[in-house]
Amino acid sequence: MKLKTEKKPKIPIIIIYSLVFYALWSLWELFGRSAVGSVVSNEFLLEFITEGIIKVSVWVLPAVCLVRYFRDEVYL
């Protein structure tokens, strides 16, 4: 006997996720990258901050949260 689980609404969540993602990434590209570049003078540290910390925070963490939210409906 299977338990009937309620499906979560995907479309509104994906729309909100996309809007927030593109807004954050646009703000980073327009203002954040130059602000961090003016503060950090070491090239290696600048690349680590921008490509390592910021990119992972904006790209990977929200995607992981989205997959965890829909974990009952996602088959990996």
PDB file of N, CA and C in Angstrom:
ATOM      1  N   MET A   1       0.842  -1.172   0.000  1.00  0.00           N
ATOM      2  CA  MET A   1       0.000   0.000   0.000  1.00  0.00           C
ATOM      3  C   MET A   1       0.891   1.241   0.000  1.00  0.00           C
ATOM      4  N   LYS A   2       0.697   2.087  -0.989  1.00  0.00           N
ATOM      5  CA  LYS A   2       1.486   3.302  -1.083  1.00  0.00           C
ATOM      6  C   LYS A   2       0.798   4.429  -0.326  1.00  0.00           C
ATOM      7  N   LEU A   3       1.637   5.227   0.328  1.00  0.00           N
ATOM      8  CA  LEU A   3       1.110   6.407   0.978  1.00  0.00           C
ATOM      9  C   LEU A   3       0.977   7.520  -0.049  1.00  0.00           C
ATOM     10  N   LYS A   4      -0.120   8.201  -0.005  1.00  0.00           N
ATOM     11  CA  LYS A   4      -0.331   9.295  -0.938  1.00  0.00           C
ATOM     12  C   LYS A   4       0.305  10.551  -0.361  1.00  0.00           C
ATOM     13  N   THR A   5       1.264  11.090  -1.084  1.00  0.00           N
ATOM     14  CA  THR A   5       1.923  12.313  -0.625  1.00  0.00           C
ATOM     15  C   THR A   5       1.433  13.482  -1.451  1.00  0.00           C
ATOM     16  N   GLU A   6       1.365  14.605  -0.819  1.00  0.00           N
ATOM     17  CA  GLU A   6       0.906  15.802  -1.499  1.00  0.00           C
ATOM     18  C   GLU A   6       2.051  16.392  -2.304  1.00  0.00           C
ATOM     19  N   LYS A   7       1.800  16.680  -3.558  1.00  0.00           N
ATOM     20  CA  LYS A   7       2.828  17.267  -4.405  1.00  0.00           C
ATOM     21  C   LYS A   7       2.955  18.752  -4.108  1.00  0.00           C
ATOM     22  N   LYS A   8       4.184  19.213  -4.104  1.00  0.00           N
ATOM     23  CA  LYS A   8       4.445  20.624  -3.855  1.00  0.00           C
ATOM     24  C   LYS A   8       4.342  21.387  -5.165  1.00  0.00           C
ATOM     25  N   PRO A   9       3.851  22.622  -5.107  1.00  0.00           N
ATOM     26  CA  PRO A   9       3.731  23.406  -6.343  1.00  0.00           C
ATOM     27  C   PRO A   9       5.118  23.791  -6.864  1.00  0.00           C
ATOM     28  N   LYS A  10       5.444  23.348  -8.071  1.00  0.00           N
ATOM     29  CA  LYS A  10       6.783  23.576  -8.615  1.00  0.00           C
ATOM     30  C   LYS A  10       6.913  24.903  -9.345  1.00  0.00           C
ATOM     31  N   ILE A  11       5.944  25.267 -10.116  1.00  0.00           N
ATOM     32  CA  ILE A  11       6.057  26.447 -10.978  1.00  0.00           C
ATOM     33  C   ILE A  11       6.276  27.730 -10.178  1.00  0.00           C
ATOM     34  N   PRO A  12       5.490  28.029  -9.140  1.00  0.00           N
ATOM     35  CA  PRO A  12       5.758  29.265  -8.388  1.00  0.00           C
ATOM     36  C   PRO A  12       7.140  29.267  -7.712  1.00  0.00           C
ATOM     37  N   ILE A  13       7.557  28.121  -7.226  1.00  0.00           N
ATOM     38  CA  ILE A  13       8.863  28.034  -6.575  1.00  0.00           C
ATOM     39  C   ILE A  13       9.979  28.266  -7.589  1.00  0.00           C
ATOM     40  N   ILE A  14       9.870  27.685  -8.760  1.00  0.00           N
ATOM     41  CA  ILE A  14      10.886  27.861  -9.798  1.00  0.00           C
ATOM     42  C   ILE A  14      10.932  29.311 -10.276  1.00  0.00           C
ATOM     43  N   ILE A  15       9.784  29.945 -10.405  1.00  0.00           N
ATOM     44  CA  ILE A  15       9.748  31.350 -10.826  1.00  0.00           C
ATOM     45  C   ILE A  15      10.409  32.237  -9.780  1.00  0.00           C
ATOM     46  N   ILE A  16      10.074  32.039  -8.524  1.00  0.00           N
ATOM     47  CA  ILE A  16      10.687  32.828  -7.451  1.00  0.00           C
ATOM     48  C   ILE A  16      12.190  32.574  -7.397  1.00  0.00           C
ATOM     49  N   TYR A  17      12.585  31.309  -7.502  1.00  0.00           N
ATOM     50  CA  TYR A  17      14.001  30.948  -7.499  1.00  0.00           C
ATOM     51  C   TYR A  17      14.741  31.651  -8.637  1.00  0.00           C
ATOM     52  N   SER A  18      14.159  31.628  -9.834  1.00  0.00           N
ATOM     53  CA  SER A  18      14.810  32.246 -10.994  1.00  0.00           C
ATOM     54  C   SER A  18      14.936  33.751 -10.833  1.00  0.00           C
ATOM     55  N   LEU A  19      13.886  34.386 -10.363  1.00  0.00           N
ATOM     56  CA  LEU A  19      13.935  35.835 -10.172  1.00  0.00           C
ATOM     57  C   LEU A  19      14.983  36.243  -9.138  1.00  0.00           C
ATOM     58  N   VAL A  20      15.002  35.541  -8.024  1.00  0.00           N
ATOM     59  CA  VAL A  20      15.975  35.854  -6.975  1.00  0.00           C
ATOM     60  C   VAL A  20      17.396  35.560  -7.459  1.00  0.00           C
ATOM     61  N   PHE A  21      17.580  34.438  -8.142  1.00  0.00           N
ATOM     62  CA  PHE A  21      18.899  34.084  -8.646  1.00  0.00           C
ATOM     63  C   PHE A  21      19.422  35.143  -9.615  1.00  0.00           C
ATOM     64  N   TYR A  22      18.634  35.497 -10.616  1.00  0.00           N
ATOM     65  CA  TYR A  22      19.087  36.464 -11.610  1.00  0.00           C
ATOM     66  C   TYR A  22      19.271  37.849 -11.005  1.00  0.00           C
ATOM     67  N   ALA A  23      18.456  38.207 -10.039  1.00  0.00           N
ATOM     68  CA  ALA A  23      18.627  39.502  -9.369  1.00  0.00           C
ATOM     69  C   ALA A  23      19.949  39.530  -8.590  1.00  0.00           C
ATOM     70  N   LEU A  24      20.216  38.480  -7.833  1.00  0.00           N
ATOM     71  CA  LEU A  24      21.464  38.432  -7.073  1.00  0.00           C
ATOM     72  C   LEU A  24      22.682  38.399  -7.985  1.00  0.00           C
ATOM     73  N   TRP A  25      22.616  37.601  -9.033  1.00  0.00           N
ATOM     74  CA  TRP A  25      23.766  37.503  -9.924  1.00  0.00           C
ATOM     75  C   TRP A  25      23.989  38.814 -10.682  1.00  0.00           C
ATOM     76  N   SER A  26      22.926  39.492 -11.062  1.00  0.00           N
ATOM     77  CA  SER A  26      23.060  40.788 -11.738  1.00  0.00           C
ATOM     78  C   SER A  26      23.663  41.830 -10.810  1.00  0.00           C
ATOM     79  N   LEU A  27      23.192  41.862  -9.574  1.00  0.00           N
ATOM     80  CA  LEU A  27      23.768  42.800  -8.605  1.00  0.00           C
ATOM     81  C   LEU A  27      25.242  42.516  -8.371  1.00  0.00           C
ATOM     82  N   TRP A  28      25.593  41.238  -8.302  1.00  0.00           N
ATOM     83  CA  TRP A  28      27.005  40.878  -8.122  1.00  0.00           C
ATOM     84  C   TRP A  28      27.842  41.367  -9.305  1.00  0.00           C
ATOM     85  N   GLU A  29      27.365  41.106 -10.516  1.00  0.00           N
ATOM     86  CA  GLU A  29      28.129  41.496 -11.696  1.00  0.00           C
ATOM     87  C   GLU A  29      28.217  43.010 -11.846  1.00  0.00           C
ATOM     88  N   LEU A  30      27.143  43.716 -11.499  1.00  0.00           N
ATOM     89  CA  LEU A  30      27.145  45.167 -11.665  1.00  0.00           C
ATOM     90  C   LEU A  30      27.923  45.893 -10.573  1.00  0.00           C
ATOM     91  N   PHE A  31      27.778  45.464  -9.334  1.00  0.00           N
ATOM     92  CA  PHE A  31      28.357  46.227  -8.228  1.00  0.00           C
ATOM     93  C   PHE A  31      29.372  45.455  -7.395  1.00  0.00           C
ATOM     94  N   GLY A  32      29.109  44.194  -7.144  1.00  0.00           N
ATOM     95  CA  GLY A  32      29.921  43.432  -6.209  1.00  0.00           C
ATOM     96  C   GLY A  32      31.326  43.141  -6.672  1.00  0.00           C
ATOM     97  N   ARG A  33      31.475  42.724  -7.934  1.00  0.00           N
ATOM     98  CA  ARG A  33      32.790  42.344  -8.436  1.00  0.00           C
ATOM     99  C   ARG A  33      33.769  43.520  -8.378  1.00  0.00           C
ATOM    100  N   SER A  34      33.334  44.695  -8.788  1.00  0.00           N
ATOM    101  CA  SER A  34      34.233  45.856  -8.760  1.00  0.00           C
ATOM    102  C   SER A  34      34.507  46.310  -7.327  1.00  0.00           C
ATOM    103  N   ALA A  35      33.520  46.180  -6.447  1.00  0.00           N
ATOM    104  CA  ALA A  35      33.732  46.564  -5.052  1.00  0.00           C
ATOM    105  C   ALA A  35      34.743  45.653  -4.377  1.00  0.00           C
ATOM    106  N   VAL A  36      34.640  44.360  -4.609  1.00  0.00           N
ATOM    107  CA  VAL A  36      35.598  43.419  -4.028  1.00  0.00           C
ATOM    108  C   VAL A  36      36.967  43.613  -4.668  1.00  0.00           C
ATOM    109  N   GLY A  37      36.995  43.870  -5.975  1.00  0.00           N
ATOM    110  CA  GLY A  37      38.262  44.098  -6.672  1.00  0.00           C
ATOM    111  C   GLY A  37      38.999  45.326  -6.188  1.00  0.00           C
ATOM    112  N   SER A  38      38.268  46.343  -5.750  1.00  0.00           N
ATOM    113  CA  SER A  38      38.930  47.543  -5.244  1.00  0.00           C
ATOM    114  C   SER A  38      39.462  47.356  -3.826  1.00  0.00           C
ATOM    115  N   VAL A  39      38.905  46.415  -3.083  1.00  0.00           N
ATOM    116  CA  VAL A  39      39.340  46.172  -1.709  1.00  0.00           C
ATOM    117  C   VAL A  39      40.484  45.164  -1.652  1.00  0.00           C
ATOM    118  N   VAL A  40      40.405  44.115  -2.449  1.00  0.00           N
ATOM    119  CA  VAL A  40      41.397  43.039  -2.421  1.00  0.00           C
ATOM    120  C   VAL A  40      42.410  43.273  -3.537  1.00  0.00           C
ATOM    121  N   SER A  41      43.679  43.344  -3.169  1.00  0.00           N
ATOM    122  CA  SER A  41      44.712  43.599  -4.176  1.00  0.00           C
ATOM    123  C   SER A  41      45.426  42.330  -4.632  1.00  0.00           C
ATOM    124  N   ASN A  42      45.394  41.282  -3.831  1.00  0.00           N
ATOM    125  CA  ASN A  42      46.046  40.027  -4.182  1.00  0.00           C
ATOM    126  C   ASN A  42      45.190  39.298  -5.224  1.00  0.00           C
ATOM    127  N   GLU A  43      45.786  39.002  -6.387  1.00  0.00           N
ATOM    128  CA  GLU A  43      45.048  38.380  -7.491  1.00  0.00           C
ATOM    129  C   GLU A  43      44.514  36.993  -7.136  1.00  0.00           C
ATOM    130  N   PHE A  44      45.327  36.186  -6.449  1.00  0.00           N
ATOM    131  CA  PHE A  44      44.888  34.843  -6.060  1.00  0.00           C
ATOM    132  C   PHE A  44      43.712  34.919  -5.087  1.00  0.00           C
ATOM    133  N   LEU A  45      43.813  35.779  -4.097  1.00  0.00           N
ATOM    134  CA  LEU A  45      42.743  35.931  -3.117  1.00  0.00           C
ATOM    135  C   LEU A  45      41.470  36.472  -3.769  1.00  0.00           C
ATOM    136  N   LEU A  46      41.638  37.390  -4.720  1.00  0.00           N
ATOM    137  CA  LEU A  46      40.481  37.934  -5.433  1.00  0.00           C
ATOM    138  C   LEU A  46      39.757  36.838  -6.219  1.00  0.00           C
ATOM    139  N   GLU A  47      40.511  35.987  -6.921  1.00  0.00           N
ATOM    140  CA  GLU A  47      39.905  34.884  -7.660  1.00  0.00           C
ATOM    141  C   GLU A  47      39.238  33.876  -6.723  1.00  0.00           C
ATOM    142  N   PHE A  48      39.874  33.612  -5.589  1.00  0.00           N
ATOM    143  CA  PHE A  48      39.290  32.682  -4.627  1.00  0.00           C
ATOM    144  C   PHE A  48      37.970  33.209  -4.088  1.00  0.00           C
ATOM    145  N   ILE A  49      37.919  34.483  -3.785  1.00  0.00           N
ATOM    146  CA  ILE A  49      36.690  35.082  -3.250  1.00  0.00           C
ATOM    147  C   ILE A  49      35.604  35.114  -4.322  1.00  0.00           C
ATOM    148  N   THR A  50      35.939  35.602  -5.501  1.00  0.00           N
ATOM    149  CA  THR A  50      34.903  35.770  -6.525  1.00  0.00           C
ATOM    150  C   THR A  50      34.456  34.442  -7.124  1.00  0.00           C
ATOM    151  N   GLU A  51      35.401  33.595  -7.490  1.00  0.00           N
ATOM    152  CA  GLU A  51      35.041  32.342  -8.146  1.00  0.00           C
ATOM    153  C   GLU A  51      34.717  31.231  -7.158  1.00  0.00           C
ATOM    154  N   GLY A  52      35.331  31.249  -6.014  1.00  0.00           N
ATOM    155  CA  GLY A  52      35.101  30.189  -5.035  1.00  0.00           C
ATOM    156  C   GLY A  52      33.923  30.463  -4.133  1.00  0.00           C
ATOM    157  N   ILE A  53      34.027  31.492  -3.365  1.00  0.00           N
ATOM    158  CA  ILE A  53      33.020  31.752  -2.326  1.00  0.00           C
ATOM    159  C   ILE A  53      31.724  32.325  -2.908  1.00  0.00           C
ATOM    160  N   ILE A  54      31.828  33.382  -3.694  1.00  0.00           N
ATOM    161  CA  ILE A  54      30.627  34.058  -4.194  1.00  0.00           C
ATOM    162  C   ILE A  54      29.867  33.169  -5.178  1.00  0.00           C
ATOM    163  N   LYS A  55      30.584  32.577  -6.123  1.00  0.00           N
ATOM    164  CA  LYS A  55      29.905  31.759  -7.134  1.00  0.00           C
ATOM    165  C   LYS A  55      29.233  30.543  -6.498  1.00  0.00           C
ATOM    166  N   VAL A  56      29.899  29.899  -5.555  1.00  0.00           N
ATOM    167  CA  VAL A  56      29.291  28.747  -4.880  1.00  0.00           C
ATOM    168  C   VAL A  56      28.078  29.190  -4.072  1.00  0.00           C
ATOM    169  N   SER A  57      28.191  30.324  -3.403  1.00  0.00           N
ATOM    170  CA  SER A  57      27.072  30.812  -2.590  1.00  0.00           C
ATOM    171  C   SER A  57      25.853  31.139  -3.432  1.00  0.00           C
ATOM    172  N   VAL A  58      26.060  31.733  -4.587  1.00  0.00           N
ATOM    173  CA  VAL A  58      24.929  32.178  -5.409  1.00  0.00           C
ATOM    174  C   VAL A  58      24.407  31.075  -6.324  1.00  0.00           C
ATOM    175  N   TRP A  59      25.273  30.177  -6.807  1.00  0.00           N
ATOM    176  CA  TRP A  59      24.851  29.159  -7.765  1.00  0.00           C
ATOM    177  C   TRP A  59      24.501  27.830  -7.111  1.00  0.00           C
ATOM    178  N   VAL A  60      25.377  27.319  -6.275  1.00  0.00           N
ATOM    179  CA  VAL A  60      25.225  25.946  -5.792  1.00  0.00           C
ATOM    180  C   VAL A  60      24.292  25.845  -4.589  1.00  0.00           C
ATOM    181  N   LEU A  61      24.466  26.683  -3.606  1.00  0.00           N
ATOM    182  CA  LEU A  61      23.662  26.566  -2.382  1.00  0.00           C
ATOM    183  C   LEU A  61      22.154  26.696  -2.634  1.00  0.00           C
ATOM    184  N   PRO A  62      21.694  27.668  -3.415  1.00  0.00           N
ATOM    185  CA  PRO A  62      20.244  27.702  -3.687  1.00  0.00           C
ATOM    186  C   PRO A  62      19.754  26.483  -4.467  1.00  0.00           C
ATOM    187  N   ALA A  63      20.570  25.971  -5.372  1.00  0.00           N
ATOM    188  CA  ALA A  63      20.167  24.778  -6.121  1.00  0.00           C
ATOM    189  C   ALA A  63      20.059  23.567  -5.196  1.00  0.00           C
ATOM    190  N   VAL A  64      20.974  23.439  -4.264  1.00  0.00           N
ATOM    191  CA  VAL A  64      20.916  22.343  -3.292  1.00  0.00           C
ATOM    192  C   VAL A  64      19.666  22.476  -2.430  1.00  0.00           C
ATOM    193  N   CYS A  65      19.364  23.682  -2.009  1.00  0.00           N
ATOM    194  CA  CYS A  65      18.146  23.907  -1.211  1.00  0.00           C
ATOM    195  C   CYS A  65      16.900  23.552  -2.012  1.00  0.00           C
ATOM    196  N   LEU A  66      16.892  23.883  -3.302  1.00  0.00           N
ATOM    197  CA  LEU A  66      15.752  23.567  -4.151  1.00  0.00           C
ATOM    198  C   LEU A  66      15.587  22.058  -4.316  1.00  0.00           C
ATOM    199  N   VAL A  67      16.683  21.357  -4.517  1.00  0.00           N
ATOM    200  CA  VAL A  67      16.620  19.903  -4.646  1.00  0.00           C
ATOM    201  C   VAL A  67      16.172  19.268  -3.337  1.00  0.00           C
ATOM    202  N   ARG A  68      16.667  19.786  -2.222  1.00  0.00           N
ATOM    203  CA  ARG A  68      16.242  19.245  -0.923  1.00  0.00           C
ATOM    204  C   ARG A  68      14.760  19.494  -0.669  1.00  0.00           C
ATOM    205  N   TYR A  69      14.253  20.640  -1.109  1.00  0.00           N
ATOM    206  CA  TYR A  69      12.833  20.954  -0.928  1.00  0.00           C
ATOM    207  C   TYR A  69      11.957  19.982  -1.714  1.00  0.00           C
ATOM    208  N   PHE A  70      12.401  19.615  -2.920  1.00  0.00           N
ATOM    209  CA  PHE A  70      11.656  18.687  -3.766  1.00  0.00           C
ATOM    210  C   PHE A  70      12.251  17.287  -3.728  1.00  0.00           C
ATOM    211  N   ARG A  71      12.904  16.906  -2.656  1.00  0.00           N
ATOM    212  CA  ARG A  71      13.616  15.622  -2.604  1.00  0.00           C
ATOM    213  C   ARG A  71      12.706  14.413  -2.782  1.00  0.00           C
ATOM    214  N   ASP A  72      11.450  14.525  -2.434  1.00  0.00           N
ATOM    215  CA  ASP A  72      10.524  13.391  -2.610  1.00  0.00           C
ATOM    216  C   ASP A  72      10.119  13.221  -4.072  1.00  0.00           C
ATOM    217  N   GLU A  73      10.284  14.280  -4.871  1.00  0.00           N
ATOM    218  CA  GLU A  73       9.859  14.239  -6.264  1.00  0.00           C
ATOM    219  C   GLU A  73      11.036  14.212  -7.233  1.00  0.00           C
ATOM    220  N   VAL A  74      12.271  14.282  -6.721  1.00  0.00           N
ATOM    221  CA  VAL A  74      13.454  14.308  -7.573  1.00  0.00           C
ATOM    222  C   VAL A  74      14.165  12.966  -7.438  1.00  0.00           C
ATOM    223  N   TYR A  75      14.482  12.374  -8.566  1.00  0.00           N
ATOM    224  CA  TYR A  75      15.170  11.089  -8.561  1.00  0.00           C
ATOM    225  C   TYR A  75      16.572  11.296  -9.110  1.00  0.00           C
ATOM    226  N   LEU A  76      17.546  11.217  -8.221  1.00  0.00           N
ATOM    227  CA  LEU A  76      18.947  11.377  -8.635  1.00  0.00           C
ATOM    228  C   LEU A  76      19.659  10.065  -8.580  1.00  0.00           C
TER     229      LEU A  76
END
